[in-house]
Structure formats: C-alpha cells, structure tokens
Amino acid sequence: MLWKRPFFFRGLEVYSYELKLLILWDSASIHLAAA
C-alpha cells in the first residue's frame, strides 16, 4: 500500500495543476468575450 502513495500524490499534483490551467483558460476566454 505504501508504494502507491507517491504516485497518488503525484496524481493530485498534476490534477491541481491542470485545474489551475483550466480556470486560467476560462477567465481568459470570458475576458476576451467581454472585450
């Protein structure tokens, strides 16, 4: 079970990074649409 933990945390890291990118992309597209 312990050997799976680093991969799990790595997955969380990548997931949160992609989530940030998605939010940035969303706000950018909304900004462009409003302009």
PDB file of N, CA and C in Angstrom:
ATOM      1  N   MET A   1       0.833  -1.208   0.000  1.00  0.00           N
ATOM      2  CA  MET A   1       0.000   0.000   0.000  1.00  0.00           C
ATOM      3  C   MET A   1       0.873   1.267   0.000  1.00  0.00           C
ATOM      4  N   LEU A   2       1.992   1.214   0.715  1.00  0.00           N
ATOM      5  CA  LEU A   2       2.845   2.392   0.832  1.00  0.00           C
ATOM      6  C   LEU A   2       3.460   2.810  -0.493  1.00  0.00           C
ATOM      7  N   TRP A   3       3.776   1.829  -1.337  1.00  0.00           N
ATOM      8  CA  TRP A   3       4.436   2.167  -2.609  1.00  0.00           C
ATOM      9  C   TRP A   3       3.506   2.921  -3.553  1.00  0.00           C
ATOM     10  N   LYS A   4       2.222   2.869  -3.290  1.00  0.00           N
ATOM     11  CA  LYS A   4       1.266   3.574  -4.155  1.00  0.00           C
ATOM     12  C   LYS A   4       1.143   5.058  -3.797  1.00  0.00           C
ATOM     13  N   ARG A   5       1.550   5.403  -2.592  1.00  0.00           N
ATOM     14  CA  ARG A   5       1.342   6.780  -2.111  1.00  0.00           C
ATOM     15  C   ARG A   5       2.028   7.859  -2.951  1.00  0.00           C
ATOM     16  N   PRO A   6       3.310   7.691  -3.327  1.00  0.00           N
ATOM     17  CA  PRO A   6       3.951   8.733  -4.142  1.00  0.00           C
ATOM     18  C   PRO A   6       3.214   8.966  -5.452  1.00  0.00           C
ATOM     19  N   PHE A   7       2.740   7.893  -6.068  1.00  0.00           N
ATOM     20  CA  PHE A   7       2.018   8.025  -7.329  1.00  0.00           C
ATOM     21  C   PHE A   7       0.698   8.758  -7.118  1.00  0.00           C
ATOM     22  N   PHE A   8       0.071   8.486  -5.988  1.00  0.00           N
ATOM     23  CA  PHE A   8      -1.193   9.136  -5.660  1.00  0.00           C
ATOM     24  C   PHE A   8      -0.994  10.634  -5.496  1.00  0.00           C
ATOM     25  N   PHE A   9       0.046  11.007  -4.748  1.00  0.00           N
ATOM     26  CA  PHE A   9       0.317  12.432  -4.525  1.00  0.00           C
ATOM     27  C   PHE A   9       0.739  13.112  -5.816  1.00  0.00           C
ATOM     28  N   ARG A  10       1.485  12.385  -6.656  1.00  0.00           N
ATOM     29  CA  ARG A  10       1.903  12.924  -7.946  1.00  0.00           C
ATOM     30  C   ARG A  10       0.662  13.196  -8.799  1.00  0.00           C
ATOM     31  N   GLY A  11      -0.295  12.284  -8.743  1.00  0.00           N
ATOM     32  CA  GLY A  11      -1.530  12.453  -9.496  1.00  0.00           C
ATOM     33  C   GLY A  11      -2.309  13.667  -9.021  1.00  0.00           C
ATOM     34  N   LEU A  12      -2.335  13.871  -7.711  1.00  0.00           N
ATOM     35  CA  LEU A  12      -3.018  15.037  -7.146  1.00  0.00           C
ATOM     36  C   LEU A  12      -2.351  16.320  -7.610  1.00  0.00           C
ATOM     37  N   GLU A  13      -1.021  16.290  -7.663  1.00  0.00           N
ATOM     38  CA  GLU A  13      -0.251  17.454  -8.080  1.00  0.00           C
ATOM     39  C   GLU A  13      -0.600  17.828  -9.517  1.00  0.00           C
ATOM     40  N   VAL A  14      -0.572  16.843 -10.387  1.00  0.00           N
ATOM     41  CA  VAL A  14      -0.890  17.067 -11.799  1.00  0.00           C
ATOM     42  C   VAL A  14      -2.334  17.526 -11.955  1.00  0.00           C
ATOM     43  N   TYR A  15      -3.241  16.918 -11.175  1.00  0.00           N
ATOM     44  CA  TYR A  15      -4.656  17.259 -11.254  1.00  0.00           C
ATOM     45  C   TYR A  15      -4.899  18.714 -10.867  1.00  0.00           C
ATOM     46  N   SER A  16      -4.275  19.144  -9.770  1.00  0.00           N
ATOM     47  CA  SER A  16      -4.461  20.529  -9.316  1.00  0.00           C
ATOM     48  C   SER A  16      -3.842  21.507 -10.308  1.00  0.00           C
ATOM     49  N   TYR A  17      -2.730  21.098 -10.933  1.00  0.00           N
ATOM     50  CA  TYR A  17      -2.069  21.948 -11.932  1.00  0.00           C
ATOM     51  C   TYR A  17      -2.971  22.132 -13.148  1.00  0.00           C
ATOM     52  N   GLU A  18      -3.578  21.030 -13.605  1.00  0.00           N
ATOM     53  CA  GLU A  18      -4.478  21.100 -14.755  1.00  0.00           C
ATOM     54  C   GLU A  18      -5.718  21.913 -14.420  1.00  0.00           C
ATOM     55  N   LEU A  19      -6.172  21.808 -13.174  1.00  0.00           N
ATOM     56  CA  LEU A  19      -7.345  22.558 -12.732  1.00  0.00           C
ATOM     57  C   LEU A  19      -7.058  24.054 -12.771  1.00  0.00           C
ATOM     58  N   LYS A  20      -5.843  24.439 -12.339  1.00  0.00           N
ATOM     59  CA  LYS A  20      -5.442  25.849 -12.373  1.00  0.00           C
ATOM     60  C   LYS A  20      -5.402  26.358 -13.803  1.00  0.00           C
ATOM     61  N   LEU A  21      -4.867  25.537 -14.705  1.00  0.00           N
ATOM     62  CA  LEU A  21      -4.784  25.926 -16.111  1.00  0.00           C
ATOM     63  C   LEU A  21      -6.180  26.112 -16.688  1.00  0.00           C
ATOM     64  N   LEU A  22      -7.090  25.219 -16.322  1.00  0.00           N
ATOM     65  CA  LEU A  22      -8.463  25.281 -16.815  1.00  0.00           C
ATOM     66  C   LEU A  22      -9.143  26.555 -16.341  1.00  0.00           C
ATOM     67  N   ILE A  23      -8.947  26.905 -15.081  1.00  0.00           N
ATOM     68  CA  ILE A  23      -9.538  28.123 -14.521  1.00  0.00           C
ATOM     69  C   ILE A  23      -8.960  29.356 -15.199  1.00  0.00           C
ATOM     70  N   LEU A  24      -7.646  29.346 -15.438  1.00  0.00           N
ATOM     71  CA  LEU A  24      -6.993  30.464 -16.123  1.00  0.00           C
ATOM     72  C   LEU A  24      -7.549  30.612 -17.530  1.00  0.00           C
ATOM     73  N   TRP A  25      -7.708  29.479 -18.225  1.00  0.00           N
ATOM     74  CA  TRP A  25      -8.222  29.493 -19.588  1.00  0.00           C
ATOM     75  C   TRP A  25      -9.651  30.020 -19.612  1.00  0.00           C
ATOM     76  N   ASP A  26     -10.453  29.595 -18.634  1.00  0.00           N
ATOM     77  CA  ASP A  26     -11.844  30.042 -18.527  1.00  0.00           C
ATOM     78  C   ASP A  26     -11.922  31.554 -18.341  1.00  0.00           C
ATOM     79  N   SER A  27     -11.146  32.079 -17.403  1.00  0.00           N
ATOM     80  CA  SER A  27     -11.181  33.518 -17.130  1.00  0.00           C
ATOM     81  C   SER A  27     -10.664  34.308 -18.318  1.00  0.00           C
ATOM     82  N   ALA A  28      -9.683  33.765 -19.031  1.00  0.00           N
ATOM     83  CA  ALA A  28      -9.129  34.445 -20.201  1.00  0.00           C
ATOM     84  C   ALA A  28     -10.158  34.503 -21.327  1.00  0.00           C
ATOM     85  N   SER A  29     -10.864  33.401 -21.556  1.00  0.00           N
ATOM     86  CA  SER A  29     -11.860  33.372 -22.629  1.00  0.00           C
ATOM     87  C   SER A  29     -13.042  34.288 -22.303  1.00  0.00           C
ATOM     88  N   ILE A  30     -13.423  34.352 -21.032  1.00  0.00           N
ATOM     89  CA  ILE A  30     -14.506  35.245 -20.608  1.00  0.00           C
ATOM     90  C   ILE A  30     -14.074  36.694 -20.810  1.00  0.00           C
ATOM     91  N   HIS A  31     -12.827  36.979 -20.484  1.00  0.00           N
ATOM     92  CA  HIS A  31     -12.278  38.324 -20.632  1.00  0.00           C
ATOM     93  C   HIS A  31     -12.265  38.728 -22.108  1.00  0.00           C
ATOM     94  N   LEU A  32     -11.874  37.796 -22.960  1.00  0.00           N
ATOM     95  CA  LEU A  32     -11.818  38.070 -24.398  1.00  0.00           C
ATOM     96  C   LEU A  32     -13.217  38.262 -24.973  1.00  0.00           C
ATOM     97  N   ALA A  33     -14.164  37.478 -24.476  1.00  0.00           N
ATOM     98  CA  ALA A  33     -15.533  37.573 -24.977  1.00  0.00           C
ATOM     99  C   ALA A  33     -16.169  38.903 -24.567  1.00  0.00           C
ATOM    100  N   ALA A  34     -15.812  39.382 -23.382  1.00  0.00           N
ATOM    101  CA  ALA A  34     -16.383  40.629 -22.880  1.00  0.00           C
ATOM    102  C   ALA A  34     -15.787  41.846 -23.590  1.00  0.00           C
ATOM    103  N   ALA A  35     -14.552  41.717 -24.038  1.00  0.00           N
ATOM    104  CA  ALA A  35     -13.855  42.854 -24.650  1.00  0.00           C
ATOM    105  C   ALA A  35     -14.331  43.168 -26.064  1.00  0.00           C
TER     106      ALA A  35
END
